[in-house]
Amino acid sequence: MIFMEKVRAMTRPTKLASATKNYNLLMRQRTWEILSRKSDELTHITNQQVSAADIIRLCIDMHMEKTCDEIERRFRAQRYG
């Protein structure tokens, strides 16, 4: 008789309490490799799932305004410079 071990899959936790929007993101392979490695490291350190998406969301939240300002600055310099 073969005994089958019951495997419990980790359920996907609810990460955002507010309304959300999906976005498909194209990135360089090297960037993905870094995100994946950091995700694994942070999951191990915190003993909680830290996904690549968690890292991406936090990066966006922390840097969006500065990044948009830089894009606008470069556009104006190109247009009027």
Protein backbone atom coordinates (compact mmCIF):
# COMPACT_ATOMS: atom_id res chain seq x y z
CA MET A 1 0.00 0.00 0.00
CA ILE A 2 1.38 3.42 -0.96
CA PHE A 3 0.84 6.29 1.42
CA MET A 4 0.39 9.68 -0.17
CA GLU A 5 1.58 12.65 1.84
CA LYS A 6 -0.89 15.48 1.80
CA VAL A 7 0.81 18.58 0.42
CA ARG A 8 -0.56 21.92 1.45
CA ALA A 9 -0.12 24.65 -1.11
CA MET A 10 0.68 28.10 0.16
CA THR A 11 -2.38 30.23 -0.49
CA ARG A 12 -1.93 33.61 -2.06
CA PRO A 13 -2.21 36.24 0.66
CA THR A 14 -4.24 39.39 0.19
CA LYS A 15 -1.59 42.09 -0.14
CA LEU A 16 -3.57 45.19 -1.04
CA ALA A 17 -6.71 46.37 0.72
CA SER A 18 -7.62 48.99 -1.88
CA ALA A 19 -8.82 48.61 -5.47
CA THR A 20 -6.21 47.14 -7.78
CA LYS A 21 -5.30 47.07 -11.47
CA ASN A 22 -3.24 44.40 -13.24
CA TYR A 23 -0.39 45.40 -15.56
CA ASN A 24 1.76 43.10 -17.67
CA LEU A 25 5.39 44.27 -17.39
CA LEU A 26 8.22 43.55 -19.80
CA MET A 27 11.66 43.66 -18.16
CA ARG A 28 15.20 42.59 -18.87
CA GLN A 29 16.10 39.00 -17.91
CA ARG A 30 18.86 40.28 -15.60
CA THR A 31 16.36 42.49 -13.75
CA TRP A 32 14.05 39.52 -13.28
CA GLU A 33 16.91 37.40 -11.94
CA ILE A 34 17.78 40.09 -9.38
CA LEU A 35 14.11 40.45 -8.34
CA SER A 36 13.73 36.70 -8.00
CA ARG A 37 16.89 36.36 -5.89
CA LYS A 38 15.92 39.30 -3.65
CA SER A 39 12.42 37.88 -3.26
CA ASP A 40 13.85 34.55 -2.08
CA GLU A 41 16.30 36.27 0.30
CA LEU A 42 13.64 38.52 1.83
CA THR A 43 11.19 35.62 2.16
CA HIS A 44 13.86 33.67 4.06
CA ILE A 45 14.86 36.63 6.28
CA THR A 46 11.31 37.68 7.18
CA ASN A 47 9.76 34.19 7.24
CA GLN A 48 6.91 35.67 5.17
CA GLN A 49 6.32 35.53 1.44
CA VAL A 50 7.92 38.53 -0.27
CA SER A 51 7.14 38.33 -3.97
CA ALA A 52 8.81 40.09 -6.87
CA ALA A 53 5.53 42.01 -7.21
CA ASP A 54 5.85 43.22 -3.59
CA ILE A 55 9.30 44.60 -4.37
CA ILE A 56 8.13 46.22 -7.61
CA ARG A 57 5.12 47.86 -5.90
CA LEU A 58 7.29 49.30 -3.14
CA CYS A 59 9.84 50.62 -5.65
CA ILE A 60 7.04 52.32 -7.57
CA ASP A 61 5.55 53.82 -4.41
CA MET A 62 8.93 55.11 -3.25
CA HIS A 63 10.22 56.50 -6.54
CA MET A 64 7.30 57.32 -8.84
CA GLU A 65 7.22 61.09 -8.28
CA LYS A 66 10.98 61.48 -8.72
CA THR A 67 10.96 59.28 -11.84
CA CYS A 68 8.09 61.22 -13.44
CA ASP A 69 9.85 64.51 -12.68
CA GLU A 70 13.01 63.20 -14.35
CA ILE A 71 11.10 62.08 -17.47
CA GLU A 72 9.48 65.52 -17.70
CA ARG A 73 12.85 67.27 -17.19
CA ARG A 74 14.46 65.22 -19.98
CA PHE A 75 11.52 65.86 -22.31
CA ARG A 76 11.70 69.62 -21.74
CA ALA A 77 15.48 69.65 -22.20
CA GLN A 78 15.12 67.75 -25.48
CA ARG A 79 12.26 69.91 -26.69
CA TYR A 80 13.61 73.30 -25.67
CA GLY A 81 17.31 72.61 -25.29
